[in-house]
Amino acid sequence: MSAFTAFVFAPSPLLTVTIEAAPDDSAELHVHGGGQGFWIARMAVTLGLDTTLCGVFGGETGAILESLITREGITVRAIHTSGENGSYVHDRRAGDRESIAEVKPRMLSRHEVDDLFGASLAEGMKSDVAILGGPHADEVIPAEVYTRLAAALMALGVPVVADLSGPTMTAALAGGLTVLKVSHEDLINDGRAESDDPKALADAMQGLVEEGARSVVLSRAGDPAMALLDGQLWEVLAPPMHLADHRGAGDSMTAGIAAALAAGKTMPEALQLGAGAGAANVTRRGLATAQHDLVVQLADTVQVRRMPAPGKGAR
C-alpha cells in the first residue's frame, strides 16, 4: 500500500470501446474505463497513490465498468443505480477518432446525489488529497454539489485539486480550492478570457483566485503552461515530445500535481511532476497512461520559472 492516499470524485464514469488497426491490418477491440475522473485516477495510481474513485455505476455497462476500473488498481466506492452508465464506441483504424455511437449518462436522482455526496465526503476526509473531476455532461449532477464537497473538504484541512470548467468550476470555486487546473480553451469558451493573449489569460487567472482558488494552473496546448501562485506568475516549460495522442495530457497533469501535494511537495515541485506526467502521456495512445520511471525522469527536465507580468499583446 502506498504511503499516500487520494480520493477522486468521478460522478459519471464511462465505458469506452475503441476499434484499432492491428499490425496485420485486422481489427482490434479495446474495452476500457473512461471519463475524466477515471483517467485522473489511473495516472494517480501510476504515480504511487493509493487511489479511491467514488462514482455512480448501473446496468450492464456499470457492472463491466466497475470491474475494469478495479483491475487498474483503483479502489472503487460505488453508488449502484438501475440506470446505465454512459458509453461510447470510437473507430481509430484510420488514425483519427471516428465516433460510431455514444450513450450519454442519465441525470442522477436526488437520493443518488445524496448517496454520492455522503460517500465522497467519507472517502475524501480520510485522504491526503482530494481530486474533483467533472461530469461527462452538465445535467448529470447539480453543480452545487461541487460547492458543498469542496467547502467541506477544505474545512477539514484536505487539499482539494479540481480539473473543471463551466458551471462545475464556478461552483467548486465558491467552496474554495487548493489548486484549480483549467485549459486556456475552456477559459475562452466560458467567456472568462477574451483571447489566448497572455495578458488576457493572466487577468482571467487572477479572477479565478479572487473567486476561491489559492493557486491556478493553466494548460495552453503546445505553449508553456502558466501558473498563478501567491500572486506570482510562473511558466512551466516541459520537454517537447512527439505526439502519439494529446488526449489525457491535462488529466495526467492534474494527477501529477495532486500526487506531489499529497506527498507534501511545494507547488513548483508539483508543477514539475504534473508537467512530467502530461509529457509522458502524449507519447502513448492510452489516455492517462505512462510508466512511473518515465514520468519522474521527465519531471526532472521540466523548468518552472518566474514569468514577468505580461503586457497587452505579449507572447
C-alpha atoms as a PDB file:
ATOM      1  CA  MET A   1       0.000   0.000   0.000  1.00  0.00           C
ATOM      2  CA  SER A   2       1.204   3.493  -0.834  1.00  0.00           C
ATOM      3  CA  ALA A   3       2.201   5.869   1.940  1.00  0.00           C
ATOM      4  CA  PHE A   4      -0.112   8.487   0.415  1.00  0.00           C
ATOM      5  CA  THR A   5      -3.793   8.333  -0.486  1.00  0.00           C
ATOM      6  CA  ALA A   6      -6.029  10.110  -2.978  1.00  0.00           C
ATOM      7  CA  PHE A   7      -9.775  10.412  -3.419  1.00  0.00           C
ATOM      8  CA  VAL A   8     -11.170  11.101  -6.905  1.00  0.00           C
ATOM      9  CA  PHE A   9     -14.699  12.415  -7.413  1.00  0.00           C
ATOM     10  CA  ALA A  10     -15.987  10.902 -10.666  1.00  0.00           C
ATOM     11  CA  PRO A  11     -19.771  11.299 -10.858  1.00  0.00           C
ATOM     12  CA  SER A  12     -20.183   9.751 -14.320  1.00  0.00           C
ATOM     13  CA  PRO A  13     -17.536   7.177 -15.321  1.00  0.00           C
ATOM     14  CA  LEU A  14     -17.797   5.913 -18.901  1.00  0.00           C
ATOM     15  CA  LEU A  15     -17.420   2.562 -20.616  1.00  0.00           C
ATOM     16  CA  THR A  16     -15.291   3.031 -23.733  1.00  0.00           C
ATOM     17  CA  VAL A  17     -14.866   0.762 -26.756  1.00  0.00           C
ATOM     18  CA  THR A  18     -12.183   1.628 -29.302  1.00  0.00           C
ATOM     19  CA  ILE A  19     -11.546  -0.192 -32.593  1.00  0.00           C
ATOM     20  CA  GLU A  20      -7.863  -0.116 -33.536  1.00  0.00           C
ATOM     21  CA  ALA A  21      -5.914  -1.403 -36.524  1.00  0.00           C
ATOM     22  CA  ALA A  22      -3.765  -4.447 -35.716  1.00  0.00           C
ATOM     23  CA  PRO A  23      -0.267  -4.826 -37.219  1.00  0.00           C
ATOM     24  CA  ASP A  24      -1.660  -7.322 -39.770  1.00  0.00           C
ATOM     25  CA  ASP A  25      -4.436  -4.817 -40.737  1.00  0.00           C
ATOM     26  CA  SER A  26      -7.125  -6.770 -38.921  1.00  0.00           C
ATOM     27  CA  ALA A  27      -9.255  -5.048 -36.267  1.00  0.00           C
ATOM     28  CA  GLU A  28      -8.549  -4.948 -32.520  1.00  0.00           C
ATOM     29  CA  LEU A  29     -11.223  -4.165 -29.955  1.00  0.00           C
ATOM     30  CA  HIS A  30     -10.173  -2.357 -26.771  1.00  0.00           C
ATOM     31  CA  VAL A  31     -12.630  -2.054 -23.862  1.00  0.00           C
ATOM     32  CA  HIS A  32     -11.660   0.273 -21.017  1.00  0.00           C
ATOM     33  CA  GLY A  33     -12.937   2.590 -18.359  1.00  0.00           C
ATOM     34  CA  GLY A  34     -13.202   6.224 -19.343  1.00  0.00           C
ATOM     35  CA  GLY A  35     -14.214   9.674 -18.247  1.00  0.00           C
ATOM     36  CA  GLN A  36     -12.133  12.402 -16.651  1.00  0.00           C
ATOM     37  CA  GLY A  37     -12.247  11.084 -13.096  1.00  0.00           C
ATOM     38  CA  PHE A  38     -11.113   7.622 -14.166  1.00  0.00           C
ATOM     39  CA  TRP A  39      -8.256   8.964 -16.289  1.00  0.00           C
ATOM     40  CA  ILE A  40      -7.025  11.101 -13.390  1.00  0.00           C
ATOM     41  CA  ALA A  41      -7.307   8.137 -11.003  1.00  0.00           C
ATOM     42  CA  ARG A  42      -5.385   5.841 -13.359  1.00  0.00           C
ATOM     43  CA  MET A  43      -2.438   8.239 -13.542  1.00  0.00           C
ATOM     44  CA  ALA A  44      -2.594   8.781  -9.771  1.00  0.00           C
ATOM     45  CA  VAL A  45      -2.129   5.021  -9.285  1.00  0.00           C
ATOM     46  CA  THR A  46       0.801   5.062 -11.722  1.00  0.00           C
ATOM     47  CA  LEU A  47       2.373   7.799  -9.603  1.00  0.00           C
ATOM     48  CA  GLY A  48       2.124   5.638  -6.495  1.00  0.00           C
ATOM     49  CA  LEU A  49      -1.024   6.927  -4.795  1.00  0.00           C
ATOM     50  CA  ASP A  50      -3.428   4.543  -3.074  1.00  0.00           C
ATOM     51  CA  THR A  51      -6.429   5.848  -5.013  1.00  0.00           C
ATOM     52  CA  THR A  52     -10.159   5.558  -4.371  1.00  0.00           C
ATOM     53  CA  LEU A  53     -12.646   6.593  -7.040  1.00  0.00           C
ATOM     54  CA  CYS A  54     -16.179   7.454  -5.990  1.00  0.00           C
ATOM     55  CA  GLY A  55     -18.831   7.364  -8.716  1.00  0.00           C
ATOM     56  CA  VAL A  56     -22.164   6.026  -9.891  1.00  0.00           C
ATOM     57  CA  PHE A  57     -22.450   2.610 -11.575  1.00  0.00           C
ATOM     58  CA  GLY A  58     -25.556   0.965 -13.008  1.00  0.00           C
ATOM     59  CA  GLY A  59     -26.910  -1.536 -15.502  1.00  0.00           C
ATOM     60  CA  GLU A  60     -24.839  -3.801 -17.729  1.00  0.00           C
ATOM     61  CA  THR A  61     -22.334  -1.092 -18.617  1.00  0.00           C
ATOM     62  CA  GLY A  62     -21.867  -0.170 -14.962  1.00  0.00           C
ATOM     63  CA  ALA A  63     -21.102  -3.742 -13.900  1.00  0.00           C
ATOM     64  CA  ILE A  64     -18.478  -4.127 -16.635  1.00  0.00           C
ATOM     65  CA  LEU A  65     -17.048  -0.680 -15.933  1.00  0.00           C
ATOM     66  CA  GLU A  66     -16.679  -1.224 -12.194  1.00  0.00           C
ATOM     67  CA  SER A  67     -14.713  -4.414 -12.838  1.00  0.00           C
ATOM     68  CA  LEU A  68     -12.470  -2.727 -15.415  1.00  0.00           C
ATOM     69  CA  ILE A  69     -11.640   0.171 -13.095  1.00  0.00           C
ATOM     70  CA  THR A  70     -10.849  -2.164 -10.206  1.00  0.00           C
ATOM     71  CA  ARG A  71      -8.449  -4.096 -12.451  1.00  0.00           C
ATOM     72  CA  GLU A  72      -6.463  -0.853 -12.905  1.00  0.00           C
ATOM     73  CA  GLY A  73      -5.540  -0.930  -9.218  1.00  0.00           C
ATOM     74  CA  ILE A  74      -8.135   1.678  -8.263  1.00  0.00           C
ATOM     75  CA  THR A  75     -10.390   1.124  -5.260  1.00  0.00           C
ATOM     76  CA  VAL A  76     -13.986   1.789  -6.306  1.00  0.00           C
ATOM     77  CA  ARG A  77     -16.520   3.272  -3.893  1.00  0.00           C
ATOM     78  CA  ALA A  78     -19.617   2.644  -5.984  1.00  0.00           C
ATOM     79  CA  ILE A  79     -23.101   4.076  -5.747  1.00  0.00           C
ATOM     80  CA  HIS A  80     -25.206   1.477  -7.537  1.00  0.00           C
ATOM     81  CA  THR A  81     -28.224   2.544  -9.577  1.00  0.00           C
ATOM     82  CA  SER A  82     -30.645   0.989 -12.026  1.00  0.00           C
ATOM     83  CA  GLY A  83     -29.664   3.352 -14.843  1.00  0.00           C
ATOM     84  CA  GLU A  84     -26.870   2.632 -17.301  1.00  0.00           C
ATOM     85  CA  ASN A  85     -23.505   4.382 -17.286  1.00  0.00           C
ATOM     86  CA  GLY A  86     -22.596   6.478 -20.297  1.00  0.00           C
ATOM     87  CA  SER A  87     -20.532   4.811 -23.009  1.00  0.00           C
ATOM     88  CA  TYR A  88     -19.064   5.337 -26.453  1.00  0.00           C
ATOM     89  CA  VAL A  89     -17.635   3.412 -29.401  1.00  0.00           C
ATOM     90  CA  HIS A  90     -14.790   5.000 -31.397  1.00  0.00           C
ATOM     91  CA  ASP A  91     -13.127   3.738 -34.560  1.00  0.00           C
ATOM     92  CA  ARG A  92      -9.458   4.755 -34.795  1.00  0.00           C
ATOM     93  CA  ARG A  93      -8.312   2.410 -37.555  1.00  0.00           C
ATOM     94  CA  ALA A  94      -7.766   5.319 -39.963  1.00  0.00           C
ATOM     95  CA  GLY A  95      -5.721   7.288 -37.421  1.00  0.00           C
ATOM     96  CA  ASP A  96      -8.265   9.849 -36.250  1.00  0.00           C
ATOM     97  CA  ARG A  97     -11.092   9.034 -33.870  1.00  0.00           C
ATOM     98  CA  GLU A  98     -14.465   8.490 -35.555  1.00  0.00           C
ATOM     99  CA  SER A  99     -17.438   8.340 -33.217  1.00  0.00           C
ATOM    100  CA  ILE A 100     -19.603   5.327 -34.036  1.00  0.00           C
ATOM    101  CA  ALA A 101     -22.029   5.548 -31.125  1.00  0.00           C
ATOM    102  CA  GLU A 102     -22.372   7.468 -27.866  1.00  0.00           C
ATOM    103  CA  VAL A 103     -24.741   6.920 -24.940  1.00  0.00           C
ATOM    104  CA  LYS A 104     -24.964   9.838 -22.542  1.00  0.00           C
ATOM    105  CA  PRO A 105     -25.143   9.199 -18.803  1.00  0.00           C
ATOM    106  CA  ARG A 106     -28.507   9.906 -17.243  1.00  0.00           C
ATOM    107  CA  MET A 107     -29.322  12.540 -14.657  1.00  0.00           C
ATOM    108  CA  LEU A 108     -28.915  11.339 -11.074  1.00  0.00           C
ATOM    109  CA  SER A 109     -31.923  11.290  -8.764  1.00  0.00           C
ATOM    110  CA  ARG A 110     -31.950  13.304  -5.538  1.00  0.00           C
ATOM    111  CA  HIS A 111     -31.296  10.188  -3.451  1.00  0.00           C
ATOM    112  CA  GLU A 112     -28.431   9.130  -5.706  1.00  0.00           C
ATOM    113  CA  VAL A 113     -26.881  12.589  -5.407  1.00  0.00           C
ATOM    114  CA  ASP A 114     -27.167  12.438  -1.615  1.00  0.00           C
ATOM    115  CA  ASP A 115     -25.602   8.969  -1.507  1.00  0.00           C
ATOM    116  CA  LEU A 116     -22.777  10.061  -3.809  1.00  0.00           C
ATOM    117  CA  PHE A 117     -22.058  13.162  -1.731  1.00  0.00           C
ATOM    118  CA  GLY A 118     -22.002  11.227   1.540  1.00  0.00           C
ATOM    119  CA  ALA A 119     -19.709   8.516   0.207  1.00  0.00           C
ATOM    120  CA  SER A 120     -17.417  11.102  -1.379  1.00  0.00           C
ATOM    121  CA  LEU A 121     -17.099  13.128   1.797  1.00  0.00           C
ATOM    122  CA  ALA A 122     -16.328   9.973   3.799  1.00  0.00           C
ATOM    123  CA  GLU A 123     -13.590   8.936   1.365  1.00  0.00           C
ATOM    124  CA  GLY A 124     -12.222  12.429   0.870  1.00  0.00           C
ATOM    125  CA  MET A 125     -11.819  13.282   4.537  1.00  0.00           C
ATOM    126  CA  LYS A 126      -9.506  10.314   5.125  1.00  0.00           C
ATOM    127  CA  SER A 127      -7.298  11.007   2.080  1.00  0.00           C
ATOM    128  CA  ASP A 128      -4.102  13.024   1.685  1.00  0.00           C
ATOM    129  CA  VAL A 129      -5.529  14.813  -1.346  1.00  0.00           C
ATOM    130  CA  ALA A 130      -8.959  15.108  -2.971  1.00  0.00           C
ATOM    131  CA  ILE A 131      -9.331  15.490  -6.737  1.00  0.00           C
ATOM    132  CA  LEU A 132     -12.564  16.729  -8.298  1.00  0.00           C
ATOM    133  CA  GLY A 133     -13.216  15.605 -11.862  1.00  0.00           C
ATOM    134  CA  GLY A 134     -16.116  16.857 -13.932  1.00  0.00           C
ATOM    135  CA  PRO A 135     -19.253  15.044 -15.064  1.00  0.00           C
ATOM    136  CA  HIS A 136     -19.463  13.826 -18.651  1.00  0.00           C
ATOM    137  CA  ALA A 137     -22.460  16.137 -19.133  1.00  0.00           C
ATOM    138  CA  ASP A 138     -23.536  19.159 -17.071  1.00  0.00           C
ATOM    139  CA  GLU A 139     -27.026  17.783 -16.448  1.00  0.00           C
ATOM    140  CA  VAL A 140     -25.777  14.619 -14.694  1.00  0.00           C
ATOM    141  CA  ILE A 141     -25.401  16.212 -11.257  1.00  0.00           C
ATOM    142  CA  PRO A 142     -26.313  19.617  -9.763  1.00  0.00           C
ATOM    143  CA  ALA A 143     -23.305  21.942  -9.841  1.00  0.00           C
ATOM    144  CA  GLU A 144     -23.871  22.964  -6.223  1.00  0.00           C
ATOM    145  CA  VAL A 145     -22.649  19.517  -5.132  1.00  0.00           C
ATOM    146  CA  TYR A 146     -19.166  20.727  -6.056  1.00  0.00           C
ATOM    147  CA  THR A 147     -19.567  23.767  -3.815  1.00  0.00           C
ATOM    148  CA  ARG A 148     -20.590  21.670  -0.832  1.00  0.00           C
ATOM    149  CA  LEU A 149     -17.945  18.988  -1.345  1.00  0.00           C
ATOM    150  CA  ALA A 150     -15.076  21.428  -1.887  1.00  0.00           C
ATOM    151  CA  ALA A 151     -16.097  23.568   1.089  1.00  0.00           C
ATOM    152  CA  ALA A 152     -16.415  20.580   3.420  1.00  0.00           C
ATOM    153  CA  LEU A 153     -13.075  19.047   2.449  1.00  0.00           C
ATOM    154  CA  MET A 154     -11.235  22.373   2.653  1.00  0.00           C
ATOM    155  CA  ALA A 155     -12.741  22.983   6.105  1.00  0.00           C
ATOM    156  CA  LEU A 156     -11.412  19.568   7.159  1.00  0.00           C
ATOM    157  CA  GLY A 157      -7.917  20.503   6.002  1.00  0.00           C
ATOM    158  CA  VAL A 158      -7.823  18.212   2.956  1.00  0.00           C
ATOM    159  CA  PRO A 159      -6.061  19.732  -0.096  1.00  0.00           C
ATOM    160  CA  VAL A 160      -8.554  19.919  -2.964  1.00  0.00           C
ATOM    161  CA  VAL A 161      -7.386  19.866  -6.587  1.00  0.00           C
ATOM    162  CA  ALA A 162     -10.033  20.442  -9.254  1.00  0.00           C
ATOM    163  CA  ASP A 163      -9.872  19.999 -13.038  1.00  0.00           C
ATOM    164  CA  LEU A 164     -13.107  21.613 -14.146  1.00  0.00           C
ATOM    165  CA  SER A 165     -14.733  24.148 -16.447  1.00  0.00           C
ATOM    166  CA  GLY A 166     -18.114  25.803 -16.879  1.00  0.00           C
ATOM    167  CA  PRO A 167     -20.761  25.628 -14.150  1.00  0.00           C
ATOM    168  CA  THR A 168     -18.965  22.977 -12.084  1.00  0.00           C
ATOM    169  CA  MET A 169     -15.799  25.101 -11.990  1.00  0.00           C
ATOM    170  CA  THR A 170     -17.755  28.140 -10.832  1.00  0.00           C
ATOM    171  CA  ALA A 171     -19.476  26.054  -8.179  1.00  0.00           C
ATOM    172  CA  ALA A 172     -16.244  24.489  -6.898  1.00  0.00           C
ATOM    173  CA  LEU A 173     -14.590  27.911  -6.664  1.00  0.00           C
ATOM    174  CA  ALA A 174     -17.425  29.040  -4.420  1.00  0.00           C
ATOM    175  CA  GLY A 175     -16.480  26.269  -1.996  1.00  0.00           C
ATOM    176  CA  GLY A 176     -12.758  27.015  -2.182  1.00  0.00           C
ATOM    177  CA  LEU A 177      -9.917  25.099  -3.840  1.00  0.00           C
ATOM    178  CA  THR A 178      -6.262  24.473  -3.140  1.00  0.00           C
ATOM    179  CA  VAL A 179      -5.497  24.231  -6.863  1.00  0.00           C
ATOM    180  CA  LEU A 180      -7.662  24.789  -9.924  1.00  0.00           C
ATOM    181  CA  LYS A 181      -6.299  23.341 -13.151  1.00  0.00           C
ATOM    182  CA  VAL A 182      -8.028  24.538 -16.315  1.00  0.00           C
ATOM    183  CA  SER A 183      -7.193  24.835 -20.015  1.00  0.00           C
ATOM    184  CA  HIS A 184      -6.957  28.169 -21.799  1.00  0.00           C
ATOM    185  CA  GLU A 185      -9.526  26.943 -24.333  1.00  0.00           C
ATOM    186  CA  ASP A 186     -12.047  26.385 -21.546  1.00  0.00           C
ATOM    187  CA  LEU A 187     -11.438  29.870 -20.119  1.00  0.00           C
ATOM    188  CA  ILE A 188     -12.101  31.376 -23.539  1.00  0.00           C
ATOM    189  CA  ASN A 189     -15.161  29.184 -24.178  1.00  0.00           C
ATOM    190  CA  ASP A 190     -16.554  30.084 -20.744  1.00  0.00           C
ATOM    191  CA  GLY A 191     -16.168  33.783 -21.533  1.00  0.00           C
ATOM    192  CA  ARG A 192     -13.640  34.290 -18.736  1.00  0.00           C
ATOM    193  CA  ALA A 193     -10.748  35.212 -21.051  1.00  0.00           C
ATOM    194  CA  GLU A 194     -11.071  37.428 -24.110  1.00  0.00           C
ATOM    195  CA  SER A 195      -8.353  35.607 -26.069  1.00  0.00           C
ATOM    196  CA  ASP A 196      -5.238  33.465 -25.730  1.00  0.00           C
ATOM    197  CA  ASP A 197      -3.145  36.598 -25.225  1.00  0.00           C
ATOM    198  CA  PRO A 198      -1.041  36.029 -22.052  1.00  0.00           C
ATOM    199  CA  LYS A 199      -2.279  39.288 -20.525  1.00  0.00           C
ATOM    200  CA  ALA A 200      -5.910  38.229 -21.016  1.00  0.00           C
ATOM    201  CA  LEU A 201      -5.171  34.802 -19.570  1.00  0.00           C
ATOM    202  CA  ALA A 202      -3.300  36.239 -16.579  1.00  0.00           C
ATOM    203  CA  ASP A 203      -6.219  38.555 -15.832  1.00  0.00           C
ATOM    204  CA  ALA A 204      -8.636  35.624 -16.006  1.00  0.00           C
ATOM    205  CA  MET A 205      -6.428  33.589 -13.661  1.00  0.00           C
ATOM    206  CA  GLN A 206      -6.418  36.427 -11.140  1.00  0.00           C
ATOM    207  CA  GLY A 207     -10.209  36.433 -11.314  1.00  0.00           C
ATOM    208  CA  LEU A 208     -10.259  32.712 -10.505  1.00  0.00           C
ATOM    209  CA  VAL A 209      -8.093  33.333  -7.437  1.00  0.00           C
ATOM    210  CA  GLU A 210     -10.474  36.044  -6.292  1.00  0.00           C
ATOM    211  CA  GLU A 211     -13.359  33.559  -6.663  1.00  0.00           C
ATOM    212  CA  GLY A 212     -11.794  30.955  -4.397  1.00  0.00           C
ATOM    213  CA  ALA A 213      -8.715  29.212  -5.830  1.00  0.00           C
ATOM    214  CA  ARG A 214      -5.486  29.510  -3.844  1.00  0.00           C
ATOM    215  CA  SER A 215      -3.468  28.559  -6.949  1.00  0.00           C
ATOM    216  CA  VAL A 216      -4.409  28.350 -10.624  1.00  0.00           C
ATOM    217  CA  VAL A 217      -2.644  26.206 -13.235  1.00  0.00           C
ATOM    218  CA  LEU A 218      -3.433  26.931 -16.874  1.00  0.00           C
ATOM    219  CA  SER A 219      -2.555  24.470 -19.628  1.00  0.00           C
ATOM    220  CA  ARG A 220      -2.052  26.070 -23.060  1.00  0.00           C
ATOM    221  CA  ALA A 221      -1.885  23.219 -25.581  1.00  0.00           C
ATOM    222  CA  GLY A 222       1.534  23.498 -27.260  1.00  0.00           C
ATOM    223  CA  ASP A 223       2.615  26.601 -25.321  1.00  0.00           C
ATOM    224  CA  PRO A 224       4.175  26.505 -21.830  1.00  0.00           C
ATOM    225  CA  ALA A 225       1.638  26.172 -19.039  1.00  0.00           C
ATOM    226  CA  MET A 226       1.101  29.179 -16.772  1.00  0.00           C
ATOM    227  CA  ALA A 227       0.553  29.161 -13.014  1.00  0.00           C
ATOM    228  CA  LEU A 228      -0.501  31.836 -10.557  1.00  0.00           C
ATOM    229  CA  LEU A 229       0.922  31.089  -7.114  1.00  0.00           C
ATOM    230  CA  ASP A 230       0.633  33.615  -4.274  1.00  0.00           C
ATOM    231  CA  GLY A 231       0.188  36.460  -6.742  1.00  0.00           C
ATOM    232  CA  GLN A 232       3.261  35.497  -8.805  1.00  0.00           C
ATOM    233  CA  LEU A 233       3.023  34.226 -12.374  1.00  0.00           C
ATOM    234  CA  TRP A 234       5.126  31.204 -13.327  1.00  0.00           C
ATOM    235  CA  GLU A 235       5.624  29.399 -16.607  1.00  0.00           C
ATOM    236  CA  VAL A 236       6.186  25.674 -16.949  1.00  0.00           C
ATOM    237  CA  LEU A 237       8.458  24.503 -19.733  1.00  0.00           C
ATOM    238  CA  ALA A 238       8.131  20.789 -20.431  1.00  0.00           C
ATOM    239  CA  PRO A 239      10.321  18.874 -22.900  1.00  0.00           C
ATOM    240  CA  PRO A 240       8.831  18.732 -26.421  1.00  0.00           C
ATOM    241  CA  MET A 241       7.573  15.236 -27.179  1.00  0.00           C
ATOM    242  CA  HIS A 242       6.365  13.665 -30.401  1.00  0.00           C
ATOM    243  CA  LEU A 243       2.588  13.330 -30.101  1.00  0.00           C
ATOM    244  CA  ALA A 244       1.003   9.903 -30.295  1.00  0.00           C
ATOM    245  CA  ASP A 245      -2.252  11.204 -28.760  1.00  0.00           C
ATOM    246  CA  HIS A 246      -2.716  14.508 -26.897  1.00  0.00           C
ATOM    247  CA  ARG A 247      -5.905  13.375 -25.179  1.00  0.00           C
ATOM    248  CA  GLY A 248      -5.484  12.724 -21.459  1.00  0.00           C
ATOM    249  CA  ALA A 249      -2.455  15.014 -21.050  1.00  0.00           C
ATOM    250  CA  GLY A 250      -4.395  17.529 -18.963  1.00  0.00           C
ATOM    251  CA  ASP A 251      -5.821  14.823 -16.709  1.00  0.00           C
ATOM    252  CA  SER A 252      -2.323  13.386 -16.272  1.00  0.00           C
ATOM    253  CA  MET A 253      -1.033  16.824 -15.304  1.00  0.00           C
ATOM    254  CA  THR A 254      -3.768  17.143 -12.685  1.00  0.00           C
ATOM    255  CA  ALA A 255      -2.878  13.740 -11.222  1.00  0.00           C
ATOM    256  CA  GLY A 256       0.784  14.696 -11.068  1.00  0.00           C
ATOM    257  CA  ILE A 257       0.056  17.935  -9.232  1.00  0.00           C
ATOM    258  CA  ALA A 258      -2.176  16.101  -6.761  1.00  0.00           C
ATOM    259  CA  ALA A 259       0.379  13.331  -6.183  1.00  0.00           C
ATOM    260  CA  ALA A 260       3.052  15.887  -5.315  1.00  0.00           C
ATOM    261  CA  LEU A 261       0.762  17.764  -2.923  1.00  0.00           C
ATOM    262  CA  ALA A 262      -0.225  14.502  -1.215  1.00  0.00           C
ATOM    263  CA  ALA A 263       3.480  13.913  -0.543  1.00  0.00           C
ATOM    264  CA  GLY A 264       3.898  17.406   0.931  1.00  0.00           C
ATOM    265  CA  LYS A 265       5.806  18.879  -2.033  1.00  0.00           C
ATOM    266  CA  THR A 266       5.788  22.586  -2.905  1.00  0.00           C
ATOM    267  CA  MET A 267       3.685  23.961  -5.756  1.00  0.00           C
ATOM    268  CA  PRO A 268       6.715  24.463  -8.059  1.00  0.00           C
ATOM    269  CA  GLU A 269       7.630  20.814  -7.426  1.00  0.00           C
ATOM    270  CA  ALA A 270       4.008  19.832  -8.088  1.00  0.00           C
ATOM    271  CA  LEU A 271       4.122  21.699 -11.397  1.00  0.00           C
ATOM    272  CA  GLN A 272       7.218  19.753 -12.396  1.00  0.00           C
ATOM    273  CA  LEU A 273       5.623  16.382 -11.667  1.00  0.00           C
ATOM    274  CA  GLY A 274       2.382  17.442 -13.342  1.00  0.00           C
ATOM    275  CA  ALA A 275       4.167  18.558 -16.496  1.00  0.00           C
ATOM    276  CA  GLY A 276       6.237  15.372 -16.498  1.00  0.00           C
ATOM    277  CA  ALA A 277       3.080  13.251 -16.310  1.00  0.00           C
ATOM    278  CA  GLY A 278       1.455  15.224 -19.123  1.00  0.00           C
ATOM    279  CA  ALA A 279       4.547  14.901 -21.318  1.00  0.00           C
ATOM    280  CA  ALA A 280       4.747  11.156 -20.728  1.00  0.00           C
ATOM    281  CA  ASN A 281       1.055  10.747 -21.556  1.00  0.00           C
ATOM    282  CA  VAL A 282       1.312  12.173 -25.085  1.00  0.00           C
ATOM    283  CA  THR A 283       3.904   9.564 -26.067  1.00  0.00           C
ATOM    284  CA  ARG A 284       1.274   6.803 -25.772  1.00  0.00           C
ATOM    285  CA  ARG A 285      -2.140   6.087 -27.243  1.00  0.00           C
ATOM    286  CA  GLY A 286      -3.692   5.060 -23.931  1.00  0.00           C
ATOM    287  CA  LEU A 287      -5.241   8.038 -22.159  1.00  0.00           C
ATOM    288  CA  ALA A 288      -3.542   8.958 -18.851  1.00  0.00           C
ATOM    289  CA  THR A 289      -1.105   6.072 -19.086  1.00  0.00           C
ATOM    290  CA  ALA A 290       2.662   6.136 -18.629  1.00  0.00           C
ATOM    291  CA  GLN A 291       5.470   4.390 -16.796  1.00  0.00           C
ATOM    292  CA  HIS A 292       6.269   5.816 -13.359  1.00  0.00           C
ATOM    293  CA  ASP A 293      10.010   5.999 -14.044  1.00  0.00           C
ATOM    294  CA  LEU A 294       9.469   7.911 -17.287  1.00  0.00           C
ATOM    295  CA  VAL A 295       7.259  10.480 -15.549  1.00  0.00           C
ATOM    296  CA  VAL A 296       9.865  11.059 -12.834  1.00  0.00           C
ATOM    297  CA  GLN A 297      12.689  11.383 -15.342  1.00  0.00           C
ATOM    298  CA  LEU A 298      10.735  13.822 -17.498  1.00  0.00           C
ATOM    299  CA  ALA A 299       9.758  15.833 -14.423  1.00  0.00           C
ATOM    300  CA  ASP A 300      13.449  16.361 -13.702  1.00  0.00           C
ATOM    301  CA  THR A 301      13.785  18.108 -17.081  1.00  0.00           C
ATOM    302  CA  VAL A 302      10.822  20.471 -16.544  1.00  0.00           C
ATOM    303  CA  GLN A 303      11.697  24.111 -15.896  1.00  0.00           C
ATOM    304  CA  VAL A 304       9.436  26.145 -13.617  1.00  0.00           C
ATOM    305  CA  ARG A 305      10.450  29.779 -13.691  1.00  0.00           C
ATOM    306  CA  ARG A 306       9.007  33.127 -12.706  1.00  0.00           C
ATOM    307  CA  MET A 307       7.180  34.879 -15.529  1.00  0.00           C
ATOM    308  CA  PRO A 308       7.166  38.672 -15.878  1.00  0.00           C
ATOM    309  CA  ALA A 309       3.710  40.210 -15.779  1.00  0.00           C
ATOM    310  CA  PRO A 310       2.664  40.073 -19.449  1.00  0.00           C
ATOM    311  CA  GLY A 311       1.766  43.281 -21.212  1.00  0.00           C
ATOM    312  CA  LYS A 312      -1.016  43.578 -23.727  1.00  0.00           C
ATOM    313  CA  GLY A 313      -0.150  41.691 -26.884  1.00  0.00           C
ATOM    314  CA  ALA A 314       2.790  39.872 -25.267  1.00  0.00           C
ATOM    315  CA  ARG A 315       3.628  36.365 -26.381  1.00  0.00           C
END
